[in-house]
Protein backbone atom coordinates (compact mmCIF):
# COMPACT_ATOMS: atom_id res chain seq x y z
CA MET A 1 12.83 -31.13 183.26
CA ARG A 2 12.84 -33.50 186.23
CA SER A 3 11.32 -36.21 184.03
CA LEU A 4 14.11 -35.72 181.46
CA ARG A 5 16.79 -35.77 184.17
CA THR A 6 15.54 -38.95 185.82
CA GLY A 7 14.37 -40.61 182.61
CA ALA A 8 10.94 -41.24 184.13
CA TRP A 9 9.36 -40.38 180.78
CA LEU A 10 11.00 -43.38 179.11
CA THR A 11 8.55 -46.10 180.13
CA ALA A 12 8.40 -49.66 178.78
CA GLU A 13 5.07 -48.87 177.15
CA ARG A 14 6.51 -45.87 175.29
CA ILE A 15 9.46 -47.93 174.07
CA ARG A 16 7.08 -50.63 172.84
CA VAL A 17 4.65 -48.26 171.09
CA TYR A 18 7.33 -46.07 169.45
CA SER A 19 9.25 -49.14 168.32
CA TRP A 20 6.24 -50.67 166.60
CA ILE A 21 5.37 -47.34 164.97
CA LEU A 22 8.86 -47.12 163.50
CA ILE A 23 8.89 -50.77 162.42
CA VAL A 24 5.63 -50.25 160.52
CA LEU A 25 6.97 -47.06 158.91
CA TRP A 26 10.25 -48.75 157.92
CA THR A 27 8.39 -51.71 156.44
CA LEU A 28 6.00 -49.54 154.42
CA GLY A 29 8.81 -47.27 153.27
CA LEU A 30 11.09 -50.06 152.11
CA ALA A 31 8.18 -51.85 150.46
CA GLY A 32 7.30 -48.63 148.64
CA VAL A 33 10.85 -48.20 147.37
CA VAL A 34 10.90 -51.74 146.01
CA ALA A 35 7.39 -51.52 144.55
CA THR A 36 8.18 -48.32 142.62
CA SER A 37 11.53 -49.59 141.33
CA SER A 38 12.36 -50.85 137.87
CA ASP A 39 15.43 -52.72 136.65
CA TYR A 40 17.04 -52.49 140.10
CA ARG A 41 16.60 -48.69 140.14
CA ASP A 42 14.30 -46.74 142.44
CA ALA A 43 11.93 -43.96 141.40
CA PHE A 44 14.82 -41.44 141.56
CA GLY A 45 17.07 -43.43 139.26
CA ARG A 46 19.33 -44.74 142.03
CA PRO A 47 20.23 -48.43 142.35
CA LEU A 48 18.28 -50.28 145.00
CA GLY A 49 20.51 -50.48 148.02
CA THR A 50 22.41 -47.44 146.67
CA ASP A 51 25.87 -48.06 148.21
CA PHE A 52 25.59 -51.80 147.62
CA ALA A 53 26.02 -50.94 143.93
CA ASN A 54 29.75 -50.39 144.47
CA VAL A 55 30.09 -53.72 146.26
CA TRP A 56 28.40 -55.77 143.55
CA THR A 57 30.08 -53.99 140.63
CA ALA A 58 33.49 -54.22 142.32
CA GLY A 59 32.98 -57.94 142.74
CA ALA A 60 31.93 -58.26 139.10
CA MET A 61 35.03 -56.38 137.97
CA ALA A 62 37.25 -58.64 140.10
CA LEU A 63 35.62 -61.75 138.64
CA ASP A 64 36.27 -60.36 135.16
CA GLY A 65 39.98 -60.02 135.96
CA HIS A 66 39.98 -56.26 136.58
CA ALA A 67 40.36 -56.19 140.36
CA ALA A 68 42.79 -53.26 140.47
CA ALA A 69 40.40 -51.11 138.41
CA VAL A 70 37.77 -51.03 141.17
CA TRP A 71 39.76 -48.21 142.82
CA GLU A 72 39.74 -46.15 139.59
CA PRO A 73 36.64 -43.90 139.76
CA GLU A 74 36.14 -43.57 135.99
CA ALA A 75 36.52 -47.28 135.29
CA HIS A 76 34.29 -48.28 138.18
CA HIS A 77 31.61 -45.74 137.29
CA ALA A 78 31.59 -47.00 133.71
CA VAL A 79 30.67 -50.46 134.96
CA GLN A 80 27.93 -49.03 137.18
CA LEU A 81 26.49 -47.15 134.19
CA ARG A 82 26.44 -50.37 132.16
CA VAL A 83 24.69 -52.25 134.94
CA PHE A 84 22.21 -49.63 136.14
CA GLY A 85 21.80 -47.47 133.06
CA PRO A 86 22.68 -43.90 132.02
CA GLY A 87 22.48 -41.27 134.72
CA SER A 88 23.19 -43.66 137.56
CA PRO A 89 25.12 -41.87 140.34
CA PHE A 90 28.66 -42.96 141.09
CA TYR A 91 29.19 -44.98 144.25
CA GLY A 92 32.90 -45.07 144.98
CA TRP A 93 34.86 -48.04 146.32
CA HIS A 94 37.11 -47.01 149.22
CA TYR A 95 37.60 -50.35 150.96
CA PRO A 96 40.90 -52.19 151.49
CA PRO A 97 41.42 -55.26 149.27
CA PHE A 98 40.09 -57.60 152.00
CA PHE A 99 36.48 -56.70 151.28
CA LEU A 100 36.89 -57.54 147.61
CA LEU A 101 36.78 -61.20 148.63
CA VAL A 102 33.23 -60.74 149.94
CA ALA A 103 32.22 -58.58 146.97
CA SER A 104 33.36 -61.27 144.53
CA VAL A 105 31.21 -63.92 146.19
CA LEU A 106 28.17 -61.61 146.11
CA ALA A 107 28.76 -60.79 142.44
CA LEU A 108 28.30 -64.46 141.57
CA MET A 109 24.57 -63.80 142.06
CA PRO A 110 22.24 -61.45 140.17
CA TYR A 111 22.19 -57.99 141.74
CA GLY A 112 18.76 -58.19 143.36
CA LEU A 113 19.42 -61.63 144.83
CA ALA A 114 22.86 -60.53 146.08
CA LEU A 115 21.36 -57.50 147.84
CA GLY A 116 18.71 -59.69 149.46
CA VAL A 117 21.26 -62.27 150.57
CA TRP A 118 23.54 -59.55 151.93
CA LEU A 119 20.83 -57.98 154.10
CA ALA A 120 19.25 -61.30 155.09
CA GLY A 121 22.67 -62.57 156.13
CA THR A 122 23.95 -59.55 158.06
CA ILE A 123 20.84 -58.23 159.85
CA PRO A 124 20.47 -61.45 161.92
CA LEU A 125 24.14 -61.16 162.90
CA TYR A 126 23.46 -57.65 164.19
CA LEU A 127 20.38 -58.81 166.14
CA ARG A 128 22.17 -61.82 167.59
CA ALA A 129 25.00 -59.60 168.80
CA LEU A 130 22.61 -57.23 170.57
CA LYS A 131 20.65 -60.09 172.05
CA GLY A 132 23.92 -61.33 173.54
CA ILE A 133 24.16 -58.04 175.44
CA VAL A 134 20.51 -57.64 176.48
CA SER A 135 18.26 -60.66 175.98
CA ASP A 136 15.11 -58.87 177.11
CA ARG A 137 12.28 -59.08 174.52
CA LEU A 138 11.62 -55.35 174.73
CA ALA A 139 15.30 -54.67 174.04
CA THR A 140 15.15 -56.93 170.98
CA LEU A 141 12.13 -55.00 169.72
CA ALA A 142 14.00 -51.73 170.22
CA ALA A 143 17.01 -53.18 168.38
CA VAL A 144 14.82 -54.01 165.37
CA ALA A 145 13.17 -50.57 165.41
CA PHE A 146 16.46 -48.69 165.91
CA PRO A 147 16.52 -46.07 163.11
CA GLY A 148 20.10 -47.02 162.30
CA VAL A 149 18.74 -50.33 161.01
CA ALA A 150 16.50 -48.72 158.40
CA VAL A 151 19.15 -46.18 157.34
CA THR A 152 21.73 -48.94 156.91
CA ALA A 153 19.34 -51.28 155.11
CA ILE A 154 18.14 -48.73 152.57
CA HIS A 155 21.78 -47.94 151.72
CA GLY A 156 22.67 -51.65 151.44
CA GLN A 157 25.56 -50.82 153.75
CA ASN A 158 27.76 -53.08 155.87
CA GLY A 159 27.07 -51.55 159.29
CA PHE A 160 25.28 -54.70 160.44
CA LEU A 161 28.40 -56.77 159.82
CA THR A 162 30.67 -54.20 161.47
CA THR A 163 28.38 -54.02 164.49
CA ALA A 164 28.28 -57.80 164.84
CA LEU A 165 32.07 -58.11 164.56
CA PHE A 166 32.73 -55.27 167.01
CA ALA A 167 30.20 -56.43 169.60
CA GLY A 168 31.14 -60.09 169.12
CA ALA A 169 34.84 -59.36 169.60
CA LEU A 170 34.15 -57.53 172.84
CA MET A 171 31.79 -60.20 174.15
CA GLN A 172 34.41 -62.91 173.50
CA LEU A 173 37.34 -60.94 174.91
CA GLU A 174 37.22 -62.27 178.48
CA ARG A 175 36.65 -65.97 177.79
CA ARG A 176 37.97 -66.50 174.26
CA PRO A 177 40.66 -63.90 173.56
CA TYR A 178 41.87 -65.60 170.38
CA VAL A 179 38.35 -65.66 168.93
CA SER A 180 37.98 -62.04 169.97
CA GLY A 181 41.20 -61.16 168.18
CA VAL A 182 40.06 -62.86 164.99
CA LEU A 183 36.81 -60.86 165.04
CA PHE A 184 38.74 -57.63 165.65
CA GLY A 185 41.01 -58.54 162.74
CA LEU A 186 38.04 -59.10 160.42
CA MET A 187 36.99 -55.53 161.18
CA ALA A 188 39.99 -54.39 159.13
CA TYR A 189 37.73 -54.08 156.08
CA LYS A 190 36.48 -50.88 157.82
CA PRO A 191 39.82 -49.71 159.24
CA GLN A 192 38.58 -46.29 160.36
CA PHE A 193 36.56 -47.92 163.14
CA GLY A 194 39.46 -49.90 164.52
CA LEU A 195 41.72 -46.97 165.40
CA LEU A 196 41.19 -47.26 169.15
CA VAL A 197 41.03 -51.06 169.40
CA PRO A 198 44.85 -51.40 169.77
CA VAL A 199 44.74 -48.72 172.48
CA ALA A 200 42.17 -50.63 174.51
CA LEU A 201 43.88 -53.99 174.07
CA ALA A 202 47.36 -52.64 174.83
CA VAL A 203 46.55 -50.66 177.98
CA SER A 204 44.56 -53.57 179.40
CA GLY A 205 47.25 -56.13 178.55
CA ARG A 206 45.07 -58.20 176.18
CA TRP A 207 48.06 -59.37 174.19
CA ARG A 208 46.58 -62.67 173.04
CA ALA A 209 43.67 -60.86 171.41
CA PHE A 210 46.09 -58.25 170.05
CA GLY A 211 48.25 -60.94 168.47
CA ALA A 212 45.30 -62.84 167.03
CA ALA A 213 43.95 -59.64 165.48
CA SER A 214 47.31 -58.82 163.92
CA LEU A 215 47.69 -62.35 162.53
CA THR A 216 44.14 -62.23 161.11
CA VAL A 217 44.86 -58.98 159.26
CA ALA A 218 48.09 -60.45 157.88
CA MET A 219 46.24 -63.56 156.69
CA LEU A 220 43.52 -61.45 155.04
CA ALA A 221 46.22 -59.48 153.23
CA GLY A 222 47.89 -62.68 152.05
CA ILE A 223 44.65 -64.28 150.83
CA SER A 224 43.64 -61.07 149.01
CA THR A 225 47.03 -60.90 147.31
CA LEU A 226 46.86 -64.53 146.22
CA ALA A 227 43.34 -64.02 144.87
CA PHE A 228 43.82 -60.73 143.02
CA GLY A 229 47.56 -60.04 142.67
CA MET A 230 49.99 -57.53 144.13
CA GLU A 231 48.71 -54.69 141.93
CA ILE A 232 45.61 -54.31 144.11
CA TRP A 233 47.75 -52.80 146.85
CA ASP A 234 49.22 -50.15 144.56
CA ALA A 235 45.72 -49.34 143.31
CA PHE A 236 44.31 -49.15 146.83
CA LEU A 237 47.11 -46.93 148.14
CA ALA A 238 46.82 -44.63 145.14
CA SER A 239 43.05 -44.35 145.71
CA THR A 240 43.48 -43.04 149.26
CA ARG A 241 44.46 -39.68 147.81
CA PHE A 242 41.15 -39.49 145.93
CA THR A 243 39.30 -40.51 149.11
CA ARG A 244 41.08 -37.82 151.10
CA ASP A 245 41.05 -34.96 148.57
CA VAL A 246 37.68 -35.45 146.91
CA VAL A 247 35.46 -37.49 149.20
CA LEU A 248 36.56 -36.13 152.57
CA GLU A 249 38.10 -32.69 152.11
CA ALA A 250 36.10 -31.42 149.12
CA GLY A 251 32.84 -32.86 150.40
CA ALA A 252 31.88 -35.16 147.53
CA LEU A 253 29.93 -36.87 150.27
CA ALA A 254 27.73 -34.04 151.51
CA TRP A 255 28.63 -32.72 154.95
CA GLU A 256 25.14 -33.42 156.30
CA LYS A 257 25.70 -37.15 155.72
CA GLN A 258 28.89 -37.18 157.78
CA GLN A 259 28.83 -37.25 161.58
CA SER A 260 32.40 -36.36 162.55
CA ALA A 261 34.12 -33.33 164.06
CA PHE A 262 35.82 -32.80 160.70
CA ALA A 263 32.48 -32.65 158.89
CA ALA A 264 30.94 -30.35 161.53
CA VAL A 265 33.66 -27.75 161.01
CA ARG A 266 33.27 -27.96 157.24
CA LEU A 267 29.48 -27.77 157.60
CA TRP A 268 29.93 -24.47 159.44
CA GLY A 269 32.25 -23.12 156.73
CA GLY A 270 35.57 -23.80 158.46
CA THR A 271 38.77 -24.48 156.53
CA VAL A 272 40.19 -27.92 155.89
CA GLU A 273 43.06 -27.14 158.28
CA LEU A 274 40.66 -26.15 161.05
CA ALA A 275 38.59 -29.26 160.41
CA TYR A 276 41.66 -31.48 160.71
CA GLY A 277 42.60 -29.70 163.93
CA ALA A 278 39.16 -30.31 165.41
CA GLN A 279 39.22 -33.94 164.34
CA ALA A 280 42.70 -34.43 165.79
CA ALA A 281 41.53 -32.98 169.10
CA MET A 282 38.51 -35.27 169.12
CA ALA A 283 40.66 -38.31 168.27
CA VAL A 284 43.13 -37.52 171.07
CA PHE A 285 40.30 -36.95 173.54
CA SER A 286 38.66 -40.24 172.52
CA ALA A 287 41.96 -42.14 172.75
CA PHE A 288 42.72 -40.80 176.22
CA GLY A 289 39.17 -41.52 177.34
CA VAL A 290 39.32 -45.11 176.09
CA ALA A 291 42.79 -45.62 177.61
CA TRP A 292 41.57 -44.31 180.98
CA LEU A 293 38.51 -46.56 180.86
CA TRP A 294 40.41 -49.70 179.91
CA ARG A 295 43.20 -49.17 182.43
CA GLY A 296 40.67 -48.63 185.20
CA ARG A 297 38.30 -50.87 187.08
CA ALA A 298 35.03 -49.85 185.47
CA ALA A 299 32.51 -52.56 184.67
CA PHE A 300 33.26 -54.32 181.42
CA ALA A 301 29.94 -53.16 179.94
CA VAL A 302 31.01 -49.55 180.47
CA LYS A 303 34.45 -50.19 178.96
CA ALA A 304 32.93 -51.89 175.93
CA ALA A 305 30.42 -49.08 175.41
CA GLY A 306 33.21 -46.53 175.69
CA LEU A 307 35.36 -48.24 173.07
CA VAL A 308 32.48 -48.47 170.58
CA CYS A 309 31.48 -44.84 171.06
CA GLY A 310 35.08 -43.59 171.08
CA ALA A 311 35.79 -45.48 167.85
CA LEU A 312 33.03 -43.54 166.08
CA LEU A 313 34.28 -40.21 167.41
CA ALA A 314 37.94 -40.81 166.55
CA THR A 315 37.54 -41.06 162.78
CA PRO A 316 36.75 -38.22 160.36
CA TYR A 317 35.01 -40.68 158.04
CA VAL A 318 31.74 -41.72 159.69
CA LEU A 319 28.34 -41.38 158.03
CA ASP A 320 24.81 -41.48 159.35
CA TYR A 321 24.36 -45.12 158.31
CA ASP A 322 27.47 -45.98 160.35
CA MET A 323 25.60 -44.91 163.46
CA VAL A 324 24.06 -48.37 163.60
CA ILE A 325 27.39 -49.31 165.21
CA VAL A 326 26.43 -47.31 168.32
CA ALA A 327 23.68 -49.86 169.08
CA PRO A 328 25.92 -52.11 171.25
CA ALA A 329 27.06 -49.08 173.27
CA ILE A 330 23.43 -48.19 173.97
CA ALA A 331 22.69 -51.81 174.85
CA TRP A 332 25.66 -52.17 177.22
CA MET A 333 24.84 -48.95 179.04
CA ALA A 334 21.16 -49.89 179.27
CA ALA A 335 22.06 -53.32 180.64
CA HIS A 336 24.42 -51.77 183.19
CA GLY A 337 21.78 -49.26 184.23
CA MET A 338 19.08 -51.91 184.61
CA LYS A 339 21.38 -53.93 186.85
CA HIS A 340 22.91 -51.14 188.94
CA GLY A 341 20.50 -48.24 188.53
CA PHE A 342 20.57 -45.29 186.16
CA LEU A 343 22.27 -41.98 186.90
CA ASP A 344 20.68 -38.65 186.07
CA TRP A 345 20.29 -38.01 182.33
CA GLU A 346 21.44 -41.51 181.33
CA LYS A 347 18.07 -42.72 180.06
CA THR A 348 17.44 -39.52 178.13
CA VAL A 349 20.88 -39.49 176.47
CA LEU A 350 20.53 -43.17 175.56
CA ALA A 351 17.14 -42.40 174.01
CA LEU A 352 18.67 -39.52 172.03
CA ALA A 353 21.45 -41.82 170.79
CA TRP A 354 18.78 -44.32 169.74
CA ILE A 355 16.77 -41.80 167.70
CA ALA A 356 19.77 -39.83 166.33
CA PRO A 357 20.23 -41.80 163.06
CA LEU A 358 16.68 -40.86 162.07
CA VAL A 359 17.26 -37.10 162.27
CA ALA A 360 21.04 -36.58 162.12
CA ARG A 361 21.20 -35.91 158.38
CA ALA A 362 18.01 -33.82 158.35
CA SER A 363 19.14 -31.57 161.20
CA ALA A 364 22.47 -30.88 159.51
CA LEU A 365 20.79 -30.22 156.17
CA ALA A 366 18.00 -28.02 157.52
CA ILE A 367 19.71 -25.97 160.23
CA ASN A 368 23.44 -26.82 160.01
CA PHE A 369 23.21 -28.61 163.36
CA PRO A 370 25.51 -31.67 163.62
CA LEU A 371 23.19 -33.62 165.88
CA GLY A 372 24.88 -36.97 165.28
CA LEU A 373 28.26 -35.71 166.47
CA ILE A 374 26.77 -33.91 169.47
CA VAL A 375 24.80 -36.95 170.60
CA LEU A 376 27.81 -39.28 170.18
CA THR A 377 29.95 -36.87 172.21
CA ALA A 378 27.28 -36.63 174.93
CA LEU A 379 27.06 -40.42 175.08
CA PHE A 380 30.84 -40.77 175.38
CA LEU A 381 30.93 -38.19 178.20
CA LEU A 382 28.09 -40.02 179.91
CA ILE A 383 30.05 -43.28 179.70
CA LEU A 384 33.15 -41.65 181.20
CA ARG A 385 31.02 -40.12 183.97
CA ARG A 386 29.52 -43.51 184.71
CA ALA A 387 32.95 -45.08 185.08
CA TRP A 388 33.99 -42.24 187.43
CA MET A 389 30.83 -42.44 189.52
CA ASP A 390 30.98 -46.22 189.82
CA GLY A 391 34.48 -45.84 191.23
CA PRO A 392 36.41 -48.95 192.26
CA ASN A 393 33.28 -51.07 192.78
CA PHE A 394 33.52 -52.84 189.45
CA ARG A 395 36.12 -54.81 187.59
């Protein structure tokens, strides 16, 4: 127990060995999926990159002049069936119109090439962002081996881009507030993770970044409208009911995949009303925690880690592949600890947050234990404790 409390068990050699083991396993696993695939479908009949299927097909529909139809489940699924064959699962499109600009560019390429370009373009952005926080070679190895990387890659998801934008915006905030604001604004394609950004910017008086973010969102909206027409907004707004009623409340996305307070209550058999109540409480707690951090004099690394972690807790719509976004929070807290010393339990909780994406879905599926949510909550509490214990010694 003492070793867990102090983190003495987490040696550099263990980090190195476990990281290489996971990297080898990820490489073999992904190679196996590709090797056993046929016509862009894996051995189970799913498109390679699974969720990337909705990105590419949405882009193809937009290029064909049917942009508004990407938010219609039946129309979108019909395209996916034509592309990937009968029996292909449906991968819904729930993004705001901004992301359709990216999807359209990707759809100019064949599916396999587009998936490769997407991952090859966004994974380096993720790694560069983390290297900007901790440039240590061992930390870079751990960033590559982080289970969130493999989970995100196999789903063809956009967590690498979100992580790079979020971390980049925070790293630029002090010296280049306008650049920071632009990066925050670009995050609007995943609006659920930006809920607490205005809170942090407002309470800390970062009005230049706030303004730049707002202007960026407005410009994205204008460009999207010019590219695809006003009807995309009606289609998107109408689709939010499907996202709420079917995907979130009815559990079309299985509860074990989701890592929110809302999903935990539903996983345990609670009602939709109780789930919303729990999520509201978590969102309020996260908002107050972030506001307290950003109004105070905690070290910037602690503030940044708190905002990233709080952003994941505040939304009801967060999946296991979204947990790659927690990587900068782990990196900032590790960097702060290496510079100023670690408090009790910090190393162990950071290690748990690092491994959580590997087992979060399995633990919920096997024993109804929402490990992802519990670890994220523990990390957020640890960050708040660190700010309190550091006291007024940091700015």
